[in-house]
């Protein structure tokens, strides 16, 4: 779980997650939203993949990223439990 929270601690990675909540995107499509160089974004993708928050599928030279919603939901539930947040109140 600590890998997930480490991955989510960075604002760029949270923005990537936000983009992938809408739809699957290629690395190039994601890069269009950020001023960082592609190698820097690649490091962010690696951190998110290590935390199992995203998955990358390579077709030729293109990598398409998908959000792993179940892992993100699990992390959010852990936070809510830790802080005793009840969303139905």
C-alpha atoms as a PDB file:
ATOM      1  CA  UNK A   1       0.000   0.000   0.000  1.00  0.00           C
ATOM      2  CA  UNK A   2       2.906   2.380   0.658  1.00  0.00           C
ATOM      3  CA  UNK A   3       3.867   2.202  -3.052  1.00  0.00           C
ATOM      4  CA  UNK A   4       0.389   3.440  -3.915  1.00  0.00           C
ATOM      5  CA  UNK A   5       0.545   6.379  -1.526  1.00  0.00           C
ATOM      6  CA  UNK A   6       4.069   7.237  -2.701  1.00  0.00           C
ATOM      7  CA  UNK A   7       2.824   7.235  -6.296  1.00  0.00           C
ATOM      8  CA  UNK A   8      -0.163   9.417  -5.407  1.00  0.00           C
ATOM      9  CA  UNK A   9       1.955  11.898  -3.441  1.00  0.00           C
ATOM     10  CA  UNK A  10       3.193  13.576  -6.628  1.00  0.00           C
ATOM     11  CA  UNK A  11       0.912  16.130  -8.336  1.00  0.00           C
ATOM     12  CA  UNK A  12       2.017  15.126 -11.842  1.00  0.00           C
ATOM     13  CA  UNK A  13       1.155  11.492 -11.173  1.00  0.00           C
ATOM     14  CA  UNK A  14      -2.210  12.517  -9.714  1.00  0.00           C
ATOM     15  CA  UNK A  15      -2.857  14.503 -12.900  1.00  0.00           C
ATOM     16  CA  UNK A  16      -1.984  11.472 -15.020  1.00  0.00           C
ATOM     17  CA  UNK A  17      -4.453   9.406 -12.971  1.00  0.00           C
ATOM     18  CA  UNK A  18      -7.070  12.122 -13.544  1.00  0.00           C
ATOM     19  CA  UNK A  19      -6.549  11.978 -17.309  1.00  0.00           C
ATOM     20  CA  UNK A  20      -6.788   8.185 -17.331  1.00  0.00           C
ATOM     21  CA  UNK A  21     -10.039   8.288 -15.344  1.00  0.00           C
ATOM     22  CA  UNK A  22     -11.666   9.703 -18.484  1.00  0.00           C
ATOM     23  CA  UNK A  23     -10.239   7.202 -20.998  1.00  0.00           C
ATOM     24  CA  UNK A  24      -7.198   5.151 -21.961  1.00  0.00           C
ATOM     25  CA  UNK A  25      -4.427   7.284 -23.458  1.00  0.00           C
ATOM     26  CA  UNK A  26      -1.143   6.739 -25.227  1.00  0.00           C
ATOM     27  CA  UNK A  27       2.059   8.034 -23.678  1.00  0.00           C
ATOM     28  CA  UNK A  28       2.169  10.746 -26.350  1.00  0.00           C
ATOM     29  CA  UNK A  29      -1.401  11.870 -25.627  1.00  0.00           C
ATOM     30  CA  UNK A  30      -0.584  12.136 -21.934  1.00  0.00           C
ATOM     31  CA  UNK A  31       2.660  14.013 -22.677  1.00  0.00           C
ATOM     32  CA  UNK A  32       0.686  16.704 -24.543  1.00  0.00           C
ATOM     33  CA  UNK A  33      -0.772  17.792 -21.178  1.00  0.00           C
ATOM     34  CA  UNK A  34       2.585  18.377 -19.449  1.00  0.00           C
ATOM     35  CA  UNK A  35       5.633  20.607 -19.963  1.00  0.00           C
ATOM     36  CA  UNK A  36       8.054  17.907 -18.758  1.00  0.00           C
ATOM     37  CA  UNK A  37      10.303  16.002 -21.142  1.00  0.00           C
ATOM     38  CA  UNK A  38       9.151  12.523 -22.160  1.00  0.00           C
ATOM     39  CA  UNK A  39      11.909  10.781 -20.148  1.00  0.00           C
ATOM     40  CA  UNK A  40      10.656  12.546 -17.011  1.00  0.00           C
ATOM     41  CA  UNK A  41       7.105  11.437 -17.725  1.00  0.00           C
ATOM     42  CA  UNK A  42       8.384   7.928 -18.372  1.00  0.00           C
ATOM     43  CA  UNK A  43       9.677   7.852 -14.789  1.00  0.00           C
ATOM     44  CA  UNK A  44       6.223   8.890 -13.559  1.00  0.00           C
ATOM     45  CA  UNK A  45       4.666   6.085 -15.621  1.00  0.00           C
ATOM     46  CA  UNK A  46       7.121   3.622 -14.067  1.00  0.00           C
ATOM     47  CA  UNK A  47       6.213   4.685 -10.525  1.00  0.00           C
ATOM     48  CA  UNK A  48       2.492   4.374 -11.304  1.00  0.00           C
ATOM     49  CA  UNK A  49       3.018   0.941 -12.888  1.00  0.00           C
ATOM     50  CA  UNK A  50       5.088  -0.286  -9.917  1.00  0.00           C
ATOM     51  CA  UNK A  51       2.203   0.720  -7.646  1.00  0.00           C
ATOM     52  CA  UNK A  52      -0.138  -1.173 -10.022  1.00  0.00           C
ATOM     53  CA  UNK A  53      -2.223   1.982 -10.506  1.00  0.00           C
ATOM     54  CA  UNK A  54      -1.832   1.871 -14.287  1.00  0.00           C
ATOM     55  CA  UNK A  55      -1.098  -0.742 -16.907  1.00  0.00           C
ATOM     56  CA  UNK A  56       0.689  -0.177 -20.184  1.00  0.00           C
ATOM     57  CA  UNK A  57       0.019  -2.103 -23.380  1.00  0.00           C
ATOM     58  CA  UNK A  58       2.586  -1.822 -26.165  1.00  0.00           C
ATOM     59  CA  UNK A  59       1.567  -2.096 -29.808  1.00  0.00           C
ATOM     60  CA  UNK A  60       4.603  -1.487 -31.992  1.00  0.00           C
ATOM     61  CA  UNK A  61       6.229   1.664 -30.638  1.00  0.00           C
ATOM     62  CA  UNK A  62       3.064   2.998 -28.980  1.00  0.00           C
ATOM     63  CA  UNK A  63       2.213   2.376 -25.325  1.00  0.00           C
ATOM     64  CA  UNK A  64      -1.390   2.857 -24.261  1.00  0.00           C
ATOM     65  CA  UNK A  65      -2.009   3.347 -20.539  1.00  0.00           C
ATOM     66  CA  UNK A  66      -5.086   2.197 -18.648  1.00  0.00           C
ATOM     67  CA  UNK A  67      -6.105   3.076 -15.101  1.00  0.00           C
ATOM     68  CA  UNK A  68      -6.359   0.139 -12.703  1.00  0.00           C
ATOM     69  CA  UNK A  69      -9.530   1.364 -10.994  1.00  0.00           C
ATOM     70  CA  UNK A  70      -9.737  -1.462  -8.436  1.00  0.00           C
ATOM     71  CA  UNK A  71      -6.322  -0.611  -6.956  1.00  0.00           C
ATOM     72  CA  UNK A  72      -7.212   3.080  -6.776  1.00  0.00           C
ATOM     73  CA  UNK A  73     -10.536   2.276  -5.080  1.00  0.00           C
ATOM     74  CA  UNK A  74      -8.749   0.026  -2.579  1.00  0.00           C
ATOM     75  CA  UNK A  75      -6.336   2.835  -1.677  1.00  0.00           C
ATOM     76  CA  UNK A  76      -9.174   5.329  -1.247  1.00  0.00           C
ATOM     77  CA  UNK A  77     -11.064   2.895   0.993  1.00  0.00           C
ATOM     78  CA  UNK A  78      -7.935   2.438   3.107  1.00  0.00           C
ATOM     79  CA  UNK A  79      -7.648   6.208   3.548  1.00  0.00           C
ATOM     80  CA  UNK A  80     -11.306   6.487   4.448  1.00  0.00           C
ATOM     81  CA  UNK A  81     -10.991   3.668   6.986  1.00  0.00           C
ATOM     82  CA  UNK A  82      -7.842   5.127   8.494  1.00  0.00           C
ATOM     83  CA  UNK A  83      -9.479   8.488   9.028  1.00  0.00           C
ATOM     84  CA  UNK A  84     -12.878   6.947   9.797  1.00  0.00           C
ATOM     85  CA  UNK A  85     -14.568   8.773   6.946  1.00  0.00           C
ATOM     86  CA  UNK A  86     -18.051   7.555   6.172  1.00  0.00           C
ATOM     87  CA  UNK A  87     -19.150   8.806   2.738  1.00  0.00           C
ATOM     88  CA  UNK A  88     -22.803   8.148   3.586  1.00  0.00           C
ATOM     89  CA  UNK A  89     -22.938  10.674   6.418  1.00  0.00           C
END
